[in-house]
């Protein structure tokens, strides 16, 4: 996917092998196109410009294998509920610290994921609340069974002074400047 992206995206995207950059749960396996596969539907929420780019790249890649990709751009509310028929859903997530909270909370609270991934979400939520869940293993299982397929991780960059430190991102993907500070200049 990254290989086919324009240079501006290649500078910021890198292949994802797990839901977090440090996790390597996805195994690259060469496989044949399933017999009879001629078309797929991919759906994402319309206000995400990078999803449009990713969908276009996927459309080109699949076309080279004689598979038509129908792309649906829908409202965030429709996407969030996941009640529309689709073979593939694009999602993005910003996980903040503490990761053990934000990662599971994000996945568990999106109706789309509960609609598309047939696991016992309530039992898993209870295990998570009781501290009985190994989150890395749980996520690895979702990736192994292809319920989730991590595509890319995206480095976000702020234009400006490179000496800024302590900058964090909130769960909405906005930079939080309340703890930011500037490092002193390097001695010459």
N, C-alpha and C. Protein backbone atom coordinates (compact mmCIF):
# COMPACT_ATOMS: atom_id res chain seq x y z
N UNK A 1 0.83 -1.19 0.00
CA UNK A 1 0.00 0.00 0.00
C UNK A 1 0.87 1.25 0.00
N UNK A 2 1.86 1.29 0.89
CA UNK A 2 2.74 2.46 0.98
C UNK A 2 3.51 2.63 -0.32
N UNK A 3 3.93 1.54 -0.92
CA UNK A 3 4.71 1.58 -2.16
C UNK A 3 3.95 2.32 -3.26
N UNK A 4 2.65 2.15 -3.33
CA UNK A 4 1.84 2.75 -4.39
C UNK A 4 1.38 4.17 -4.06
N UNK A 5 1.65 4.64 -2.87
CA UNK A 5 1.22 5.97 -2.45
C UNK A 5 2.14 7.04 -3.02
N UNK A 6 1.60 8.25 -3.13
CA UNK A 6 2.41 9.39 -3.57
C UNK A 6 3.47 9.68 -2.51
N UNK A 7 4.52 10.36 -2.94
CA UNK A 7 5.66 10.62 -2.06
C UNK A 7 5.25 11.34 -0.77
N UNK A 8 4.32 12.27 -0.86
CA UNK A 8 3.91 13.00 0.34
C UNK A 8 3.36 12.07 1.41
N UNK A 9 2.75 10.96 1.00
CA UNK A 9 2.25 9.99 1.97
C UNK A 9 3.34 9.02 2.39
N UNK A 10 4.21 8.66 1.47
CA UNK A 10 5.29 7.73 1.80
C UNK A 10 6.19 8.28 2.90
N UNK A 11 6.29 9.59 3.00
CA UNK A 11 7.12 10.20 4.04
C UNK A 11 6.50 10.06 5.42
N UNK A 12 5.20 9.89 5.50
CA UNK A 12 4.51 9.87 6.78
C UNK A 12 3.92 8.51 7.15
N UNK A 13 3.71 7.65 6.16
CA UNK A 13 3.11 6.34 6.41
C UNK A 13 4.20 5.28 6.50
N UNK A 14 3.97 4.30 7.32
CA UNK A 14 4.81 3.11 7.28
C UNK A 14 3.93 1.89 7.52
N UNK A 15 4.33 0.74 6.96
CA UNK A 15 3.49 -0.45 7.05
C UNK A 15 3.21 -0.83 8.51
N UNK A 16 1.98 -1.22 8.77
CA UNK A 16 1.58 -1.64 10.11
C UNK A 16 1.57 -3.16 10.18
N UNK A 17 2.18 -3.68 11.21
CA UNK A 17 2.19 -5.12 11.44
C UNK A 17 1.42 -5.48 12.71
N UNK A 18 0.77 -4.48 13.29
CA UNK A 18 -0.05 -4.66 14.48
C UNK A 18 -0.81 -3.37 14.72
N UNK A 19 -1.69 -3.38 15.72
CA UNK A 19 -2.47 -2.19 16.00
C UNK A 19 -1.62 -1.07 16.58
N UNK A 20 -0.52 -1.41 17.21
CA UNK A 20 0.44 -0.41 17.69
C UNK A 20 1.75 -0.59 16.94
N UNK A 21 2.50 0.48 16.75
CA UNK A 21 3.75 0.37 15.99
C UNK A 21 4.73 -0.66 16.54
N UNK A 22 4.73 -0.88 17.84
CA UNK A 22 5.69 -1.83 18.43
C UNK A 22 5.23 -3.29 18.35
N UNK A 23 3.99 -3.50 17.95
CA UNK A 23 3.46 -4.86 17.85
C UNK A 23 3.65 -5.39 16.44
N UNK A 24 4.10 -6.62 16.35
CA UNK A 24 4.31 -7.26 15.04
C UNK A 24 3.47 -8.53 14.98
N UNK A 25 2.16 -8.34 14.91
CA UNK A 25 1.21 -9.44 14.93
C UNK A 25 0.80 -9.93 13.55
N UNK A 26 0.87 -9.07 12.57
CA UNK A 26 0.42 -9.44 11.21
C UNK A 26 1.57 -10.13 10.49
N UNK A 27 1.27 -11.21 9.88
CA UNK A 27 2.26 -11.94 9.09
C UNK A 27 1.96 -11.72 7.62
N UNK A 28 2.98 -11.36 6.88
CA UNK A 28 2.81 -11.18 5.44
C UNK A 28 2.82 -12.56 4.80
N UNK A 29 1.70 -12.92 4.22
CA UNK A 29 1.56 -14.23 3.60
C UNK A 29 1.09 -14.03 2.17
N UNK A 30 1.81 -14.60 1.24
CA UNK A 30 1.39 -14.54 -0.16
C UNK A 30 0.29 -15.59 -0.35
N UNK A 31 -0.81 -15.17 -0.90
CA UNK A 31 -1.91 -16.11 -1.12
C UNK A 31 -2.55 -15.84 -2.46
N UNK A 32 -3.25 -16.82 -2.93
CA UNK A 32 -3.94 -16.71 -4.21
C UNK A 32 -5.29 -16.03 -4.02
N UNK A 33 -5.75 -15.41 -5.08
CA UNK A 33 -7.08 -14.80 -5.06
C UNK A 33 -8.11 -15.92 -4.91
N UNK A 34 -9.06 -15.76 -3.99
CA UNK A 34 -10.10 -16.79 -3.84
C UNK A 34 -10.90 -16.97 -5.13
N UNK A 35 -11.21 -18.20 -5.45
CA UNK A 35 -11.98 -18.50 -6.65
C UNK A 35 -13.32 -17.78 -6.60
N UNK A 36 -13.69 -17.17 -7.69
CA UNK A 36 -14.98 -16.50 -7.80
C UNK A 36 -15.01 -15.08 -7.26
N UNK A 37 -13.91 -14.60 -6.69
CA UNK A 37 -13.89 -13.24 -6.17
C UNK A 37 -13.77 -12.25 -7.33
N UNK A 38 -14.83 -11.49 -7.55
CA UNK A 38 -14.84 -10.53 -8.65
C UNK A 38 -15.03 -9.10 -8.17
N UNK A 39 -15.65 -8.92 -7.00
CA UNK A 39 -15.87 -7.56 -6.51
C UNK A 39 -15.92 -7.53 -4.99
N UNK A 40 -15.56 -6.38 -4.45
CA UNK A 40 -15.62 -6.12 -3.02
C UNK A 40 -16.15 -4.70 -2.82
N UNK A 41 -16.69 -4.46 -1.65
CA UNK A 41 -17.15 -3.11 -1.29
C UNK A 41 -16.32 -2.62 -0.11
N UNK A 42 -15.81 -1.41 -0.23
CA UNK A 42 -15.03 -0.78 0.82
C UNK A 42 -15.78 0.49 1.25
N UNK A 43 -15.89 0.69 2.56
CA UNK A 43 -16.66 1.82 3.08
C UNK A 43 -15.81 2.59 4.09
N UNK A 44 -15.92 3.92 4.03
CA UNK A 44 -15.26 4.77 5.02
C UNK A 44 -16.05 6.05 5.19
N UNK A 45 -15.75 6.78 6.25
CA UNK A 45 -16.48 8.03 6.45
C UNK A 45 -15.88 9.13 5.59
N UNK A 46 -16.76 9.89 4.98
CA UNK A 46 -16.43 10.78 3.87
C UNK A 46 -15.50 11.93 4.22
N UNK A 47 -15.35 12.29 5.46
CA UNK A 47 -14.52 13.44 5.81
C UNK A 47 -13.07 13.07 6.09
N UNK A 48 -12.67 11.88 5.77
CA UNK A 48 -11.29 11.46 6.02
C UNK A 48 -10.55 11.39 4.69
N UNK A 49 -9.77 12.42 4.39
CA UNK A 49 -9.13 12.52 3.07
C UNK A 49 -8.13 11.40 2.81
N UNK A 50 -7.43 10.95 3.83
CA UNK A 50 -6.47 9.87 3.60
C UNK A 50 -7.17 8.55 3.31
N UNK A 51 -8.35 8.36 3.85
CA UNK A 51 -9.10 7.14 3.51
C UNK A 51 -9.44 7.13 2.02
N UNK A 52 -9.73 8.28 1.47
CA UNK A 52 -9.99 8.37 0.03
C UNK A 52 -8.74 7.94 -0.75
N UNK A 53 -7.57 8.36 -0.30
CA UNK A 53 -6.31 7.99 -0.96
C UNK A 53 -6.08 6.49 -0.82
N UNK A 54 -6.24 5.96 0.38
CA UNK A 54 -6.04 4.53 0.62
C UNK A 54 -7.01 3.71 -0.23
N UNK A 55 -8.26 4.13 -0.28
CA UNK A 55 -9.26 3.41 -1.08
C UNK A 55 -8.87 3.40 -2.55
N UNK A 56 -8.39 4.53 -3.06
CA UNK A 56 -7.95 4.59 -4.46
C UNK A 56 -6.79 3.65 -4.74
N UNK A 57 -5.84 3.58 -3.82
CA UNK A 57 -4.71 2.67 -4.00
C UNK A 57 -5.19 1.22 -3.97
N UNK A 58 -6.05 0.91 -3.02
CA UNK A 58 -6.59 -0.46 -2.94
C UNK A 58 -7.37 -0.81 -4.20
N UNK A 59 -8.08 0.16 -4.75
CA UNK A 59 -8.83 -0.07 -5.99
C UNK A 59 -7.89 -0.43 -7.13
N UNK A 60 -6.77 0.27 -7.23
CA UNK A 60 -5.78 -0.02 -8.28
C UNK A 60 -5.16 -1.40 -8.08
N UNK A 61 -4.78 -1.70 -6.86
CA UNK A 61 -4.15 -3.00 -6.58
C UNK A 61 -5.11 -4.14 -6.89
N UNK A 62 -6.35 -4.02 -6.44
CA UNK A 62 -7.32 -5.08 -6.70
C UNK A 62 -7.66 -5.20 -8.18
N UNK A 63 -7.71 -4.08 -8.88
CA UNK A 63 -7.99 -4.13 -10.33
C UNK A 63 -6.91 -4.91 -11.05
N UNK A 64 -5.67 -4.83 -10.58
CA UNK A 64 -4.59 -5.60 -11.21
C UNK A 64 -4.78 -7.10 -11.02
N UNK A 65 -5.68 -7.48 -10.11
CA UNK A 65 -6.02 -8.89 -9.88
C UNK A 65 -7.44 -9.20 -10.37
N UNK A 66 -7.96 -8.34 -11.23
CA UNK A 66 -9.31 -8.48 -11.80
C UNK A 66 -10.40 -8.52 -10.74
N UNK A 67 -10.25 -7.68 -9.72
CA UNK A 67 -11.28 -7.53 -8.69
C UNK A 67 -11.72 -6.07 -8.70
N UNK A 68 -13.01 -5.85 -8.83
CA UNK A 68 -13.57 -4.50 -8.80
C UNK A 68 -13.83 -4.10 -7.36
N UNK A 69 -13.36 -2.91 -6.99
CA UNK A 69 -13.60 -2.40 -5.65
C UNK A 69 -14.60 -1.25 -5.74
N UNK A 70 -15.78 -1.47 -5.17
CA UNK A 70 -16.78 -0.41 -5.07
C UNK A 70 -16.49 0.37 -3.79
N UNK A 71 -16.36 1.68 -3.91
CA UNK A 71 -16.03 2.53 -2.77
C UNK A 71 -17.26 3.32 -2.34
N UNK A 72 -17.59 3.22 -1.05
CA UNK A 72 -18.71 3.97 -0.48
C UNK A 72 -18.17 4.97 0.53
N UNK A 73 -18.48 6.25 0.32
CA UNK A 73 -18.15 7.29 1.29
C UNK A 73 -19.45 7.67 1.99
N UNK A 74 -19.48 7.52 3.29
CA UNK A 74 -20.72 7.74 4.05
C UNK A 74 -20.46 8.72 5.20
N UNK A 75 -21.53 9.15 5.84
CA UNK A 75 -21.40 10.07 6.97
C UNK A 75 -20.73 9.34 8.14
N UNK A 76 -20.16 10.12 9.04
CA UNK A 76 -19.52 9.53 10.21
C UNK A 76 -20.53 8.71 11.02
N UNK A 77 -21.72 9.25 11.21
CA UNK A 77 -22.73 8.52 11.99
C UNK A 77 -23.07 7.17 11.37
N UNK A 78 -23.22 7.13 10.04
CA UNK A 78 -23.49 5.86 9.36
C UNK A 78 -22.31 4.90 9.53
N UNK A 79 -21.10 5.43 9.39
CA UNK A 79 -19.90 4.61 9.54
C UNK A 79 -19.83 4.06 10.97
N UNK A 80 -20.01 4.93 11.94
CA UNK A 80 -19.89 4.56 13.35
C UNK A 80 -20.84 3.43 13.72
N UNK A 81 -22.05 3.46 13.19
CA UNK A 81 -23.03 2.43 13.50
C UNK A 81 -22.78 1.14 12.73
N UNK A 82 -22.19 1.23 11.53
CA UNK A 82 -21.84 0.03 10.77
C UNK A 82 -23.01 -0.78 10.27
N UNK A 83 -24.13 -0.15 10.01
CA UNK A 83 -25.32 -0.90 9.60
C UNK A 83 -25.44 -1.04 8.08
N UNK A 84 -24.53 -0.46 7.35
CA UNK A 84 -24.52 -0.58 5.89
C UNK A 84 -23.72 -1.83 5.52
N UNK A 85 -24.12 -2.51 4.46
CA UNK A 85 -23.39 -3.69 4.01
C UNK A 85 -22.06 -3.28 3.38
N UNK A 86 -20.99 -3.91 3.81
CA UNK A 86 -19.67 -3.65 3.26
C UNK A 86 -18.77 -4.83 3.55
N UNK A 87 -17.85 -5.11 2.62
CA UNK A 87 -16.88 -6.18 2.84
C UNK A 87 -15.70 -5.70 3.66
N UNK A 88 -15.31 -4.44 3.44
CA UNK A 88 -14.14 -3.86 4.09
C UNK A 88 -14.54 -2.49 4.64
N UNK A 89 -14.15 -2.23 5.86
CA UNK A 89 -14.37 -0.92 6.48
C UNK A 89 -13.01 -0.32 6.80
N UNK A 90 -12.80 0.94 6.43
CA UNK A 90 -11.58 1.63 6.84
C UNK A 90 -11.85 2.36 8.14
N UNK A 91 -10.88 2.31 9.03
CA UNK A 91 -10.97 2.97 10.32
C UNK A 91 -9.61 3.58 10.62
N UNK A 92 -9.61 4.63 11.38
CA UNK A 92 -8.36 5.17 11.90
C UNK A 92 -8.55 5.38 13.39
N UNK A 93 -7.46 5.38 14.12
CA UNK A 93 -7.56 5.54 15.56
C UNK A 93 -6.34 6.27 16.09
N UNK A 94 -6.57 7.09 17.07
CA UNK A 94 -5.50 7.75 17.81
C UNK A 94 -5.55 7.21 19.22
N UNK A 95 -4.57 6.41 19.58
CA UNK A 95 -4.53 5.84 20.92
C UNK A 95 -3.62 6.69 21.79
N UNK A 96 -4.14 7.14 22.92
CA UNK A 96 -3.37 7.98 23.82
C UNK A 96 -2.97 7.18 25.05
N UNK A 97 -2.13 7.75 25.86
CA UNK A 97 -1.72 7.10 27.09
C UNK A 97 -2.83 7.25 28.13
N UNK A 98 -3.06 6.29 28.97
CA UNK A 98 -2.45 4.97 28.99
C UNK A 98 -3.05 4.06 27.91
N UNK A 99 -2.19 3.37 27.19
CA UNK A 99 -2.63 2.55 26.06
C UNK A 99 -3.54 1.41 26.48
N UNK A 100 -3.29 0.82 27.65
CA UNK A 100 -4.15 -0.28 28.09
C UNK A 100 -5.60 0.16 28.22
N UNK A 101 -5.81 1.45 28.50
CA UNK A 101 -7.18 1.96 28.56
C UNK A 101 -7.67 2.39 27.18
N UNK A 102 -6.93 3.25 26.52
CA UNK A 102 -7.46 3.89 25.31
C UNK A 102 -7.65 2.91 24.16
N UNK A 103 -6.78 1.93 24.02
CA UNK A 103 -6.90 1.01 22.89
C UNK A 103 -8.16 0.16 23.03
N UNK A 104 -8.32 -0.50 24.16
CA UNK A 104 -9.51 -1.35 24.32
C UNK A 104 -10.78 -0.52 24.34
N UNK A 105 -10.76 0.62 25.04
CA UNK A 105 -11.95 1.46 25.11
C UNK A 105 -12.38 1.90 23.72
N UNK A 106 -11.43 2.29 22.88
CA UNK A 106 -11.78 2.71 21.52
C UNK A 106 -12.42 1.56 20.75
N UNK A 107 -11.80 0.40 20.79
CA UNK A 107 -12.31 -0.73 20.02
C UNK A 107 -13.67 -1.19 20.54
N UNK A 108 -13.82 -1.20 21.84
CA UNK A 108 -15.05 -1.71 22.45
C UNK A 108 -16.23 -0.76 22.30
N UNK A 109 -15.95 0.53 22.15
CA UNK A 109 -17.04 1.51 22.14
C UNK A 109 -17.53 1.88 20.74
N UNK A 110 -16.98 1.29 19.70
CA UNK A 110 -17.41 1.61 18.34
C UNK A 110 -18.41 0.54 17.88
N UNK A 111 -19.69 0.89 17.73
CA UNK A 111 -20.69 -0.10 17.31
C UNK A 111 -20.32 -0.82 16.01
N UNK A 112 -19.66 -0.12 15.09
CA UNK A 112 -19.23 -0.76 13.84
C UNK A 112 -18.42 -2.01 14.13
N UNK A 113 -17.46 -1.92 15.04
CA UNK A 113 -16.61 -3.07 15.33
C UNK A 113 -17.40 -4.19 15.98
N UNK A 114 -18.30 -3.84 16.88
CA UNK A 114 -19.13 -4.87 17.51
C UNK A 114 -20.04 -5.54 16.49
N UNK A 115 -20.47 -4.77 15.51
CA UNK A 115 -21.34 -5.30 14.45
C UNK A 115 -20.57 -6.25 13.52
N UNK A 116 -19.31 -5.93 13.25
CA UNK A 116 -18.54 -6.67 12.24
C UNK A 116 -17.69 -7.81 12.80
N UNK A 117 -17.34 -7.75 14.07
CA UNK A 117 -16.44 -8.75 14.64
C UNK A 117 -17.23 -9.61 15.62
N UNK A 118 -17.48 -10.87 15.25
CA UNK A 118 -18.35 -11.74 16.06
C UNK A 118 -17.62 -12.38 17.24
N UNK A 119 -17.36 -11.56 18.26
CA UNK A 119 -16.78 -12.08 19.50
C UNK A 119 -17.70 -11.67 20.64
N UNK A 120 -17.46 -12.20 21.81
CA UNK A 120 -18.27 -11.85 22.98
C UNK A 120 -17.69 -10.57 23.59
N UNK A 121 -18.12 -9.43 23.07
CA UNK A 121 -17.59 -8.15 23.51
C UNK A 121 -17.86 -7.90 25.00
N UNK A 122 -19.01 -8.30 25.48
CA UNK A 122 -19.35 -8.06 26.89
C UNK A 122 -18.43 -8.86 27.81
N UNK A 123 -18.17 -10.11 27.46
CA UNK A 123 -17.27 -10.93 28.28
C UNK A 123 -15.85 -10.38 28.23
N UNK A 124 -15.42 -9.96 27.04
CA UNK A 124 -14.08 -9.39 26.92
C UNK A 124 -13.97 -8.09 27.71
N UNK A 125 -15.03 -7.27 27.68
CA UNK A 125 -15.01 -6.02 28.45
C UNK A 125 -14.93 -6.31 29.95
N UNK A 126 -15.62 -7.33 30.40
CA UNK A 126 -15.57 -7.71 31.82
C UNK A 126 -14.16 -8.17 32.19
N UNK A 127 -13.55 -8.99 31.33
CA UNK A 127 -12.17 -9.45 31.58
C UNK A 127 -11.22 -8.26 31.62
N UNK A 128 -11.41 -7.31 30.71
CA UNK A 128 -10.55 -6.13 30.64
C UNK A 128 -10.71 -5.29 31.92
N UNK A 129 -11.96 -5.04 32.34
CA UNK A 129 -12.21 -4.25 33.56
C UNK A 129 -11.62 -4.91 34.80
N UNK A 130 -11.62 -6.24 34.82
CA UNK A 130 -11.09 -6.98 35.98
C UNK A 130 -9.58 -7.18 35.91
N UNK A 131 -8.95 -6.64 34.87
CA UNK A 131 -7.50 -6.78 34.75
C UNK A 131 -7.05 -8.17 34.36
N UNK A 132 -7.95 -8.95 33.75
CA UNK A 132 -7.66 -10.34 33.39
C UNK A 132 -7.33 -10.51 31.92
N UNK A 133 -7.22 -9.42 31.19
CA UNK A 133 -7.01 -9.52 29.74
C UNK A 133 -5.59 -9.10 29.38
N UNK A 134 -4.93 -9.94 28.59
CA UNK A 134 -3.66 -9.55 27.99
C UNK A 134 -4.01 -8.86 26.68
N UNK A 135 -3.96 -7.54 26.68
CA UNK A 135 -4.43 -6.75 25.54
C UNK A 135 -3.66 -7.06 24.26
N UNK A 136 -2.35 -7.23 24.37
CA UNK A 136 -1.55 -7.53 23.18
C UNK A 136 -1.99 -8.86 22.56
N UNK A 137 -2.22 -9.87 23.39
CA UNK A 137 -2.67 -11.16 22.86
C UNK A 137 -4.06 -11.07 22.26
N UNK A 138 -4.93 -10.32 22.90
CA UNK A 138 -6.30 -10.15 22.40
C UNK A 138 -6.27 -9.49 21.02
N UNK A 139 -5.49 -8.43 20.89
CA UNK A 139 -5.36 -7.75 19.60
C UNK A 139 -4.71 -8.65 18.56
N UNK A 140 -3.73 -9.43 18.98
CA UNK A 140 -3.07 -10.35 18.06
C UNK A 140 -4.07 -11.36 17.51
N UNK A 141 -5.00 -11.83 18.33
CA UNK A 141 -6.02 -12.76 17.86
C UNK A 141 -6.93 -12.11 16.82
N UNK A 142 -7.29 -10.84 17.03
CA UNK A 142 -8.12 -10.12 16.06
C UNK A 142 -7.40 -9.97 14.73
N UNK A 143 -6.11 -9.74 14.78
CA UNK A 143 -5.31 -9.60 13.55
C UNK A 143 -5.12 -10.97 12.89
N UNK A 144 -4.85 -12.01 13.70
CA UNK A 144 -4.61 -13.35 13.15
C UNK A 144 -5.82 -13.90 12.41
N UNK A 145 -7.02 -13.62 12.91
CA UNK A 145 -8.23 -14.13 12.24
C UNK A 145 -8.73 -13.17 11.17
N UNK A 146 -7.98 -12.10 10.91
CA UNK A 146 -8.29 -11.10 9.87
C UNK A 146 -9.55 -10.30 10.17
N UNK A 147 -9.98 -10.27 11.44
CA UNK A 147 -11.08 -9.39 11.82
C UNK A 147 -10.63 -7.94 11.68
N UNK A 148 -9.35 -7.72 11.93
CA UNK A 148 -8.73 -6.41 11.72
C UNK A 148 -7.45 -6.62 10.93
N UNK A 149 -7.24 -5.75 9.97
CA UNK A 149 -6.02 -5.81 9.15
C UNK A 149 -5.35 -4.45 9.22
N UNK A 150 -4.34 -4.31 10.07
CA UNK A 150 -3.65 -3.03 10.14
C UNK A 150 -2.97 -2.73 8.80
N UNK A 151 -3.15 -1.53 8.29
CA UNK A 151 -2.57 -1.16 7.00
C UNK A 151 -1.35 -0.28 7.17
N UNK A 152 -1.53 0.86 7.83
CA UNK A 152 -0.42 1.80 7.99
C UNK A 152 -0.44 2.40 9.38
N UNK A 153 0.72 2.89 9.78
CA UNK A 153 0.82 3.82 10.90
C UNK A 153 1.23 5.14 10.28
N UNK A 154 0.78 6.21 10.88
CA UNK A 154 0.98 7.53 10.30
C UNK A 154 1.68 8.42 11.31
N UNK A 155 2.84 8.92 10.93
CA UNK A 155 3.53 9.90 11.77
C UNK A 155 2.94 11.26 11.49
N UNK A 156 2.46 11.92 12.52
CA UNK A 156 1.93 13.27 12.37
C UNK A 156 3.03 14.26 12.70
N UNK A 157 3.12 15.30 11.92
CA UNK A 157 4.18 16.29 12.08
C UNK A 157 3.55 17.67 12.23
N UNK A 158 4.07 18.42 13.16
CA UNK A 158 3.65 19.81 13.30
C UNK A 158 4.71 20.67 12.65
N UNK A 159 4.26 21.56 11.79
CA UNK A 159 5.18 22.50 11.17
C UNK A 159 5.52 23.58 12.20
N UNK A 160 6.77 23.92 12.32
CA UNK A 160 7.15 24.97 13.26
C UNK A 160 8.48 24.65 13.89
N UNK A 161 8.68 25.18 15.08
CA UNK A 161 9.96 25.01 15.75
C UNK A 161 10.16 23.56 16.15
N UNK A 162 11.30 23.03 15.78
CA UNK A 162 11.60 21.63 16.08
C UNK A 162 12.07 21.43 17.52
N UNK A 163 12.21 22.50 18.27
CA UNK A 163 12.66 22.38 19.66
C UNK A 163 11.50 22.15 20.63
N UNK A 164 10.27 22.07 20.13
CA UNK A 164 9.12 21.86 21.00
C UNK A 164 9.14 20.43 21.53
N UNK A 165 8.91 20.30 22.83
CA UNK A 165 8.90 19.00 23.50
C UNK A 165 7.63 18.87 24.33
N UNK A 166 7.32 17.64 24.74
CA UNK A 166 6.21 17.40 25.64
C UNK A 166 4.84 17.51 25.00
N UNK A 167 4.80 17.49 23.69
CA UNK A 167 3.54 17.63 22.98
C UNK A 167 2.83 16.28 22.93
N UNK A 168 1.56 16.25 23.24
CA UNK A 168 0.77 15.02 23.21
C UNK A 168 -0.43 15.21 22.30
N UNK A 169 -1.00 14.10 21.88
CA UNK A 169 -2.21 14.15 21.07
C UNK A 169 -3.36 13.58 21.89
N UNK A 170 -4.51 14.21 21.80
CA UNK A 170 -5.67 13.69 22.53
C UNK A 170 -6.39 12.63 21.70
N UNK A 171 -7.44 12.06 22.25
CA UNK A 171 -8.13 10.96 21.58
C UNK A 171 -8.86 11.39 20.31
N UNK A 172 -9.05 12.68 20.13
CA UNK A 172 -9.70 13.17 18.92
C UNK A 172 -8.70 13.45 17.81
N UNK A 173 -7.41 13.24 18.09
CA UNK A 173 -6.39 13.48 17.07
C UNK A 173 -5.90 14.91 17.04
N UNK A 174 -6.24 15.69 18.05
CA UNK A 174 -5.79 17.08 18.13
C UNK A 174 -4.57 17.14 19.03
N UNK A 175 -3.62 17.98 18.67
CA UNK A 175 -2.45 18.15 19.52
C UNK A 175 -2.82 18.97 20.75
N UNK A 176 -2.35 18.52 21.90
CA UNK A 176 -2.61 19.17 23.17
C UNK A 176 -1.34 19.89 23.60
N UNK A 177 -1.39 21.20 23.62
CA UNK A 177 -0.20 22.01 23.87
C UNK A 177 -0.02 22.37 25.35
N UNK A 178 -0.90 21.90 26.24
CA UNK A 178 -0.85 22.37 27.62
C UNK A 178 0.45 21.99 28.35
N UNK A 179 1.11 20.92 27.94
CA UNK A 179 2.36 20.52 28.59
C UNK A 179 3.57 20.73 27.69
N UNK A 180 3.37 21.43 26.59
CA UNK A 180 4.47 21.63 25.64
C UNK A 180 5.46 22.67 26.17
N UNK A 181 6.70 22.49 25.81
CA UNK A 181 7.75 23.43 26.18
C UNK A 181 8.81 23.43 25.09
N UNK A 182 9.63 24.46 25.08
CA UNK A 182 10.70 24.55 24.09
C UNK A 182 12.03 24.20 24.75
N UNK A 183 12.76 23.31 24.10
CA UNK A 183 14.09 22.94 24.58
C UNK A 183 15.04 24.11 24.35
N UNK A 184 16.00 24.28 25.25
CA UNK A 184 16.97 25.36 25.01
C UNK A 184 17.79 25.06 23.76
N UNK A 185 18.30 26.09 23.12
CA UNK A 185 19.10 25.86 21.91
C UNK A 185 20.36 25.06 22.22
N UNK A 186 20.81 24.30 21.23
CA UNK A 186 22.05 23.54 21.38
C UNK A 186 23.22 24.50 21.55
N UNK A 187 24.16 24.17 22.45
CA UNK A 187 25.34 25.04 22.58
C UNK A 187 26.17 24.98 21.31
N UNK A 188 26.71 26.10 20.96
CA UNK A 188 27.50 26.13 19.71
C UNK A 188 28.96 25.89 19.96
